[in-house]
Amino acid sequence: MGSLHPDQQSLLTSTEFLYENSPCGILSFLPGGSIFRVNKTLLNWIELSSEEIIGQKKFHDILSVGGKLYYQMVALPLLNRQGFINEINFDIDLKNGTAFPSLVNAVTIKGDDGKTIAIHATILKITDRKKYESELLRSKQFAEEERKRFESLSNIIPEIIWTALANGSVNFTNKRFFEYFKYQEETSRKTSLLHLFHPKDRKILFKNWIEAVKQGEKFEAEVMLKNHAGNFRWFLIRAFPYKDLNNKIEMWFGSCINIHEHKKQQLQAVENLNNSLSEASGLISMKEKTLEEIAYRQSHLVRRPLANILGLVDMLETTEEPSGNDAIVAMLKQSAAELDQMVKNIVLKV
C-alpha cells in the first residue's frame, strides 16, 4: 500500500476536514434555535446550501411536522433540564418534500454564568436501519398472523393438535385438549403433562421422545392417556419436525388421535385369534390321542387277517397238489378283503 503525502495526511486529519466530511451530520444552533454552523454532510443530505440555512433557519425548521411538536414538548425541555439528549428519532425534511429518518444526539454548551449559549447536535441517517426495522416488523406481524391462523385452524379440527419448541417443550395445545382433559390454559403451562400417561408408558415414552428430538426424526407412539374422569383411553401420538432452509429444526407439529375403539377391536381380534389357536391346538391334541387309541384298539383286528394271509402264503409254498391251491387262493382273497375293510373302518374313525 502507498503512503499519504504529509500534506495530504495533515489535510485529512485536520479538525476542519473531519468536521465537514464526518459520516454524520453536524450542526450548531443558538438556544433560540437559529443555526449558525452546519457541515457539508448534512447540507448534502438536506439538499440545501450553507447560505440557505445558516442564519435563515432554526433547528426545528428542518424537522417534520411531528418532529417539530416532539422537539418543543419533549426534547427541548430535556435539553434544558439535563443538558443533553441521546438517540431521539426525528424525520428530517428535504428540499423535495420527502424526509429521511435520523437519530439526533445533542449537548448544551453553557457559559460562565451557567446559561446555555449554544447547542451542538449530531444527526445520524438511519434510512437503511428503518427499512430493516420495517421489514422485521412486517415479518413479526406476518408470523403472528400465521400463528393465529394456525391456532384458529387447529381449533376447528376435532382431534388434539399441539406444537413444541425445537428442544421438545410443548408450547401450544388446541382447545380440544382443554375440553377433553378439563384443563385450564394457565394450569397446563405450569404443570407437566406426563401424569396424563399410564404409569407403564411414561418412562419409555419420555425416553423415545427425547431420542426423537435429539435425532430430529418423526415420533409415533400408541399410549394410554387418563381423561378427566380418571379413565385411561388409547391415543395415537405423532410428531413431525419442521425444519428451516438450513435443515435446522424450528419447531414440532404434533397430533393426538383417540384410537380407543379401534384399539379395543384390535385387542379383541388378537384375543379371538389366540382363543382360536388354543382351540385348534386342543383339537389337534384330541385327534392325535384318538389316532393313538384307534391304532391300539384296531391293531389286533388288523393282525388277524394279516396273520391268515401270511399263513396261507406259507401253505402255498409247501403244497404240492394243484387242486388244493384254488381253495388257498380263495381264502387269501377273503383275508385280503377283510384286511381292506379294517383299514377303511380305521380311516373313517379318524
Protein backbone atom coordinates (compact mmCIF):
# COMPACT_ATOMS: atom_id res chain seq x y z
CA MET A 1 0.00 0.00 0.00
CA GLY A 2 1.15 3.53 -0.77
CA SER A 3 1.52 6.08 2.00
CA LEU A 4 -0.04 9.53 2.19
CA HIS A 5 1.91 12.65 1.45
CA PRO A 6 2.47 14.65 4.65
CA ASP A 7 0.34 17.47 3.27
CA GLN A 8 -2.49 15.04 2.44
CA GLN A 9 -2.28 13.44 5.86
CA SER A 10 -2.34 16.84 7.50
CA LEU A 11 -5.42 17.83 5.47
CA LEU A 12 -7.33 14.59 6.08
CA THR A 13 -6.76 14.67 9.80
CA SER A 14 -7.41 18.35 10.30
CA THR A 15 -10.30 19.31 12.54
CA GLU A 16 -11.99 21.27 9.78
CA PHE A 17 -11.83 18.41 7.27
CA LEU A 18 -13.09 15.87 9.79
CA TYR A 19 -15.95 18.18 10.78
CA GLU A 20 -17.07 18.92 7.23
CA ASN A 21 -16.77 15.33 5.96
CA SER A 22 -17.89 13.42 9.01
CA PRO A 23 -20.10 10.38 8.20
CA CYS A 24 -22.84 12.00 10.27
CA GLY A 25 -24.49 15.41 10.04
CA ILE A 26 -23.24 18.03 12.48
CA LEU A 27 -24.82 21.38 13.24
CA SER A 28 -24.77 24.02 15.95
CA PHE A 29 -27.58 26.36 16.89
CA LEU A 30 -28.39 29.01 19.45
CA PRO A 31 -30.76 28.44 22.41
CA GLY A 32 -33.47 30.08 20.31
CA GLY A 33 -32.87 27.53 17.54
CA SER A 34 -31.05 29.65 14.92
CA ILE A 35 -28.47 27.53 13.09
CA PHE A 36 -25.03 29.12 12.89
CA ARG A 37 -22.90 26.17 11.72
CA VAL A 38 -23.57 23.03 9.68
CA ASN A 39 -21.25 20.57 7.99
CA LYS A 40 -21.19 19.51 4.33
CA THR A 41 -22.54 16.03 5.06
CA LEU A 42 -25.82 17.38 6.42
CA LEU A 43 -26.08 20.01 3.69
CA ASN A 44 -25.78 17.29 1.07
CA TRP A 45 -28.45 15.22 2.80
CA ILE A 46 -31.00 18.04 3.06
CA GLU A 47 -30.07 19.41 -0.38
CA LEU A 48 -29.50 22.99 0.85
CA SER A 49 -26.53 25.34 0.67
CA SER A 50 -24.96 26.89 3.76
CA GLU A 51 -26.37 30.28 2.67
CA GLU A 52 -29.90 28.83 2.64
CA ILE A 53 -29.68 27.50 6.18
CA ILE A 54 -27.16 29.46 8.28
CA GLY A 55 -28.93 32.41 9.86
CA GLN A 56 -32.01 31.59 7.81
CA LYS A 57 -33.44 28.54 9.53
CA LYS A 58 -33.89 27.25 13.02
CA PHE A 59 -33.22 23.69 14.06
CA HIS A 60 -36.89 22.76 14.28
CA ASP A 61 -37.39 24.12 10.73
CA ILE A 62 -35.60 21.08 9.26
CA LEU A 63 -37.80 18.68 11.24
CA SER A 64 -41.05 17.12 10.06
CA VAL A 65 -44.34 18.41 11.47
CA GLY A 66 -44.46 15.68 14.09
CA GLY A 67 -40.78 16.24 14.86
CA LYS A 68 -41.35 19.95 15.50
CA LEU A 69 -44.03 19.18 18.05
CA TYR A 70 -41.97 16.48 19.77
CA TYR A 71 -38.90 18.75 19.90
CA GLN A 72 -40.81 21.61 21.53
CA MET A 73 -42.69 19.43 24.01
CA VAL A 74 -40.14 16.75 24.91
CA ALA A 75 -36.62 17.16 23.52
CA LEU A 76 -36.09 20.85 24.31
CA PRO A 77 -37.29 20.54 27.94
CA LEU A 78 -34.91 17.58 28.34
CA LEU A 79 -32.03 19.62 26.94
CA ASN A 80 -32.77 22.50 29.32
CA ARG A 81 -33.11 20.19 32.33
CA GLN A 82 -30.30 17.65 31.86
CA GLY A 83 -28.09 19.32 29.24
CA PHE A 84 -28.22 16.53 26.64
CA ILE A 85 -30.44 14.18 24.63
CA ASN A 86 -29.46 10.83 23.13
CA GLU A 87 -30.80 8.93 20.12
CA ILE A 88 -34.03 10.84 19.66
CA ASN A 89 -35.74 9.73 16.48
CA PHE A 90 -36.61 12.64 14.15
CA ASP A 91 -37.61 12.73 10.49
CA ILE A 92 -35.52 15.37 8.64
CA ASP A 93 -37.34 17.25 5.88
CA LEU A 94 -35.72 17.51 2.44
CA LYS A 95 -36.00 20.24 -0.14
CA ASN A 96 -38.00 17.99 -2.48
CA GLY A 97 -40.70 17.44 0.12
CA THR A 98 -39.60 14.00 1.27
CA ALA A 99 -37.84 13.15 4.54
CA PHE A 100 -35.34 10.68 5.94
CA PRO A 101 -35.30 9.11 9.43
CA SER A 102 -32.50 10.02 11.79
CA LEU A 103 -31.21 9.71 15.34
CA VAL A 104 -30.29 13.02 16.96
CA ASN A 105 -27.85 13.48 19.81
CA ALA A 106 -27.33 16.93 21.27
CA VAL A 107 -25.47 18.59 24.13
CA THR A 108 -25.76 22.12 25.52
CA ILE A 109 -22.77 24.43 25.86
CA LYS A 110 -23.00 26.71 28.90
CA GLY A 111 -21.27 29.97 29.65
CA ASP A 112 -19.58 31.04 32.87
CA ASP A 113 -22.94 32.07 34.27
CA GLY A 114 -24.34 28.59 33.75
CA LYS A 115 -26.72 29.62 30.99
CA THR A 116 -26.89 27.80 27.66
CA ILE A 117 -25.09 29.68 24.92
CA ALA A 118 -25.20 27.06 22.15
CA ILE A 119 -26.28 23.53 21.33
CA HIS A 120 -24.17 21.10 19.32
CA ALA A 121 -26.03 18.24 17.63
CA THR A 122 -25.19 15.22 15.51
CA ILE A 123 -27.65 13.67 13.05
CA LEU A 124 -27.22 10.04 12.08
CA LYS A 125 -29.08 8.98 8.94
CA ILE A 126 -30.82 5.66 9.56
CA THR A 127 -32.77 5.09 6.34
CA ASP A 128 -31.39 1.56 5.86
CA ARG A 129 -31.89 0.76 9.51
CA LYS A 130 -35.51 1.88 9.32
CA LYS A 131 -36.05 -0.30 6.27
CA TYR A 132 -34.63 -3.24 8.18
CA GLU A 133 -36.79 -2.45 11.20
CA SER A 134 -39.84 -2.14 8.95
CA GLU A 135 -39.05 -5.47 7.32
CA LEU A 136 -38.50 -7.03 10.72
CA LEU A 137 -41.78 -5.61 11.98
CA ARG A 138 -43.63 -6.87 8.91
CA SER A 139 -42.04 -10.29 9.37
CA LYS A 140 -43.12 -10.37 13.01
CA GLN A 141 -46.62 -9.29 12.08
CA PHE A 142 -46.77 -11.93 9.35
CA ALA A 143 -45.50 -14.58 11.75
CA GLU A 144 -48.09 -13.52 14.32
CA GLU A 145 -50.85 -13.64 11.72
CA GLU A 146 -49.69 -17.09 10.62
CA ARG A 147 -49.64 -18.24 14.24
CA LYS A 148 -53.19 -17.00 14.81
CA ARG A 149 -54.30 -18.60 11.54
CA PHE A 150 -52.75 -21.93 12.54
CA GLU A 151 -54.31 -21.79 16.00
CA SER A 152 -57.73 -20.95 14.55
CA LEU A 153 -57.48 -23.83 12.09
CA SER A 154 -56.27 -26.26 14.75
CA ASN A 155 -59.21 -25.32 16.98
CA ILE A 156 -61.63 -26.40 14.24
CA ILE A 157 -60.07 -29.87 13.98
CA PRO A 158 -61.86 -32.41 16.23
CA GLU A 159 -58.58 -34.04 17.28
CA ILE A 160 -55.94 -32.77 19.71
CA ILE A 161 -53.27 -30.70 17.94
CA TRP A 162 -50.08 -29.49 19.64
CA THR A 163 -46.72 -27.90 18.87
CA ALA A 164 -43.36 -27.98 20.61
CA LEU A 165 -40.21 -25.89 20.52
CA ALA A 166 -37.03 -27.19 18.92
CA ASN A 167 -35.96 -28.60 22.31
CA GLY A 168 -39.15 -30.64 22.60
CA SER A 169 -41.00 -28.47 25.13
CA VAL A 170 -44.73 -28.29 24.35
CA ASN A 171 -45.74 -24.66 23.79
CA PHE A 172 -49.24 -24.95 22.31
CA THR A 173 -52.27 -27.23 22.51
CA ASN A 174 -55.57 -26.57 20.78
CA LYS A 175 -58.94 -26.14 22.51
CA ARG A 176 -59.80 -29.82 22.05
CA PHE A 177 -57.05 -30.66 24.57
CA PHE A 178 -58.57 -28.40 27.24
CA GLU A 179 -62.07 -29.67 26.52
CA TYR A 180 -61.11 -33.35 26.75
CA PHE A 181 -58.87 -33.19 29.82
CA LYS A 182 -60.82 -30.35 31.53
CA TYR A 183 -57.67 -28.26 31.85
CA GLN A 184 -57.25 -24.53 32.29
CA GLU A 185 -54.75 -22.95 29.89
CA GLU A 186 -52.59 -21.45 32.64
CA THR A 187 -52.57 -24.76 34.53
CA SER A 188 -51.27 -26.70 31.54
CA ARG A 189 -48.40 -24.27 31.07
CA LYS A 190 -47.20 -24.71 34.65
CA THR A 191 -47.84 -28.44 35.03
CA SER A 192 -46.02 -31.38 33.46
CA LEU A 193 -48.27 -33.43 31.18
CA LEU A 194 -46.50 -36.72 31.96
CA HIS A 195 -49.00 -37.57 34.71
CA LEU A 196 -51.67 -37.95 32.00
CA PHE A 197 -49.88 -41.02 30.65
CA HIS A 198 -50.30 -44.50 32.05
CA PRO A 199 -47.52 -45.26 34.57
CA LYS A 200 -46.24 -48.18 32.49
CA ASP A 201 -45.83 -45.89 29.43
CA ARG A 202 -44.21 -42.84 30.99
CA LYS A 203 -40.56 -43.88 31.17
CA ILE A 204 -40.27 -45.40 27.69
CA LEU A 205 -42.37 -42.63 26.14
CA PHE A 206 -40.20 -39.88 27.64
CA LYS A 207 -37.03 -41.72 26.55
CA ASN A 208 -38.26 -42.19 22.98
CA TRP A 209 -39.41 -38.56 22.72
CA ILE A 210 -36.04 -37.24 23.89
CA GLU A 211 -34.31 -39.50 21.37
CA ALA A 212 -36.59 -38.32 18.53
CA VAL A 213 -35.88 -34.67 19.39
CA LYS A 214 -32.16 -35.39 19.53
CA GLN A 215 -32.13 -37.18 16.17
CA GLY A 216 -34.66 -34.86 14.52
CA GLU A 217 -36.80 -37.79 13.44
CA LYS A 218 -40.58 -38.22 13.39
CA PHE A 219 -42.16 -39.62 16.54
CA GLU A 220 -45.07 -42.05 16.83
CA ALA A 221 -46.46 -43.97 19.78
CA GLU A 222 -49.68 -45.67 20.93
CA VAL A 223 -50.23 -44.76 24.58
CA MET A 224 -52.92 -44.69 27.22
CA LEU A 225 -53.99 -41.25 28.48
CA LYS A 226 -56.10 -40.53 31.54
CA ASN A 227 -59.19 -38.42 30.89
CA HIS A 228 -60.89 -36.04 33.32
CA ALA A 229 -62.91 -38.93 34.77
CA GLY A 230 -59.75 -40.85 35.62
CA ASN A 231 -60.24 -43.48 32.91
CA PHE A 232 -57.44 -44.46 30.56
CA ARG A 233 -58.06 -44.35 26.82
CA TRP A 234 -55.86 -45.33 23.89
CA PHE A 235 -54.36 -42.49 21.79
CA LEU A 236 -52.02 -42.37 18.82
CA ILE A 237 -49.43 -39.60 19.28
CA ARG A 238 -47.49 -38.35 16.26
CA ALA A 239 -44.96 -35.54 15.86
CA PHE A 240 -43.03 -34.25 12.84
CA PRO A 241 -40.12 -31.77 12.89
CA TYR A 242 -40.44 -28.53 10.89
CA LYS A 243 -37.03 -27.51 9.53
CA ASP A 244 -35.77 -24.27 8.01
CA LEU A 245 -33.78 -23.89 4.79
CA ASN A 246 -30.61 -24.86 6.65
CA ASN A 247 -32.23 -28.13 7.78
CA LYS A 248 -32.36 -26.87 11.36
CA ILE A 249 -35.43 -27.77 13.40
CA GLU A 250 -37.54 -24.71 14.22
CA MET A 251 -40.46 -26.48 15.90
CA TRP A 252 -42.51 -29.68 16.10
CA PHE A 253 -46.06 -30.22 14.89
CA GLY A 254 -47.97 -32.98 16.62
CA SER A 255 -51.36 -34.68 16.86
CA CYS A 256 -53.06 -36.85 19.44
CA ILE A 257 -55.80 -39.06 17.97
CA ASN A 258 -58.28 -41.07 20.03
CA ILE A 259 -58.00 -44.69 18.83
CA HIS A 260 -59.60 -46.33 21.84
CA GLU A 261 -62.42 -48.11 19.98
CA HIS A 262 -60.08 -49.20 17.19
CA LYS A 263 -57.57 -50.47 19.75
CA LYS A 264 -60.29 -52.37 21.62
CA GLN A 265 -61.31 -54.07 18.39
CA GLN A 266 -57.70 -54.81 17.59
CA LEU A 267 -57.04 -56.31 21.03
CA GLN A 268 -60.30 -58.28 20.82
CA ALA A 269 -59.25 -59.63 17.41
CA VAL A 270 -55.90 -60.71 18.85
CA GLU A 271 -57.65 -62.35 21.79
CA ASN A 272 -60.07 -64.13 19.45
CA LEU A 273 -57.15 -65.32 17.34
CA ASN A 274 -55.35 -66.62 20.41
CA ASN A 275 -58.52 -68.41 21.52
CA SER A 276 -58.93 -69.93 18.05
CA LEU A 277 -55.33 -71.09 18.07
CA SER A 278 -55.82 -72.60 21.51
CA GLU A 279 -58.95 -74.43 20.32
CA ALA A 280 -57.16 -75.65 17.21
CA SER A 281 -54.28 -76.87 19.32
CA GLY A 282 -56.72 -78.70 21.58
CA LEU A 283 -58.43 -80.32 18.60
CA ILE A 284 -55.11 -81.43 17.17
CA SER A 285 -54.16 -82.94 20.51
CA MET A 286 -57.51 -84.73 20.68
CA LYS A 287 -57.06 -86.06 17.14
CA GLU A 288 -53.60 -87.32 17.99
CA LYS A 289 -54.95 -89.03 21.09
CA THR A 290 -57.85 -90.50 19.07
CA LEU A 291 -55.43 -91.86 16.49
CA GLU A 292 -53.37 -93.47 19.22
CA GLU A 293 -56.47 -95.07 20.74
CA ILE A 294 -57.71 -96.29 17.33
CA ALA A 295 -54.33 -97.70 16.47
CA TYR A 296 -54.18 -99.52 19.80
CA ARG A 297 -57.73 -100.84 19.65
CA GLN A 298 -57.63 -101.88 15.99
CA SER A 299 -54.17 -103.35 15.84
CA HIS A 300 -55.26 -106.84 16.95
CA LEU A 301 -58.13 -106.79 14.42
CA VAL A 302 -55.70 -105.91 11.63
CA ARG A 303 -53.29 -108.59 12.81
CA ARG A 304 -55.87 -111.43 12.44
CA PRO A 305 -56.49 -111.22 8.64
CA LEU A 306 -52.83 -110.35 8.11
CA ALA A 307 -51.78 -113.46 10.01
CA ASN A 308 -54.22 -115.53 7.93
CA ILE A 309 -52.70 -114.18 4.71
CA LEU A 310 -49.16 -114.93 5.89
CA GLY A 311 -50.22 -118.48 6.90
CA LEU A 312 -51.91 -119.14 3.55
CA VAL A 313 -48.82 -117.90 1.72
CA ASP A 314 -46.76 -120.46 3.64
CA MET A 315 -49.28 -123.18 2.69
CA LEU A 316 -49.00 -122.25 -0.98
CA GLU A 317 -45.25 -122.61 -0.77
CA THR A 318 -45.44 -126.07 0.84
CA THR A 319 -48.49 -127.53 -1.00
CA GLU A 320 -47.64 -129.76 -3.98
CA GLU A 321 -51.21 -130.56 -5.06
CA PRO A 322 -52.56 -128.01 -7.59
CA SER A 323 -56.12 -128.80 -6.66
CA GLY A 324 -55.51 -127.54 -3.13
CA ASN A 325 -54.22 -124.19 -4.36
CA ASP A 326 -57.61 -122.95 -5.51
CA ALA A 327 -59.01 -123.23 -2.04
CA ILE A 328 -56.00 -121.44 -0.55
CA VAL A 329 -56.31 -118.62 -3.11
CA ALA A 330 -59.98 -118.22 -2.20
CA MET A 331 -59.06 -117.94 1.46
CA LEU A 332 -56.32 -115.42 0.57
CA LYS A 333 -58.84 -113.22 -1.22
CA GLN A 334 -61.22 -113.40 1.73
CA SER A 335 -58.48 -112.45 4.22
CA ALA A 336 -57.29 -109.59 1.96
CA ALA A 337 -60.85 -108.26 1.71
CA GLU A 338 -61.18 -108.42 5.50
CA LEU A 339 -57.88 -106.50 5.86
CA ASP A 340 -59.02 -103.88 3.35
CA GLN A 341 -62.28 -103.33 5.21
CA MET A 342 -60.43 -103.00 8.50
CA VAL A 343 -58.23 -100.25 7.06
CA LYS A 344 -61.29 -98.41 5.67
CA ASN A 345 -63.01 -98.54 9.07
CA ILE A 346 -59.90 -97.09 10.75
CA VAL A 347 -59.81 -94.24 8.21
CA LEU A 348 -63.48 -93.47 8.76
CA LYS A 349 -62.96 -93.26 12.53
CA VAL A 350 -60.11 -90.83 12.08
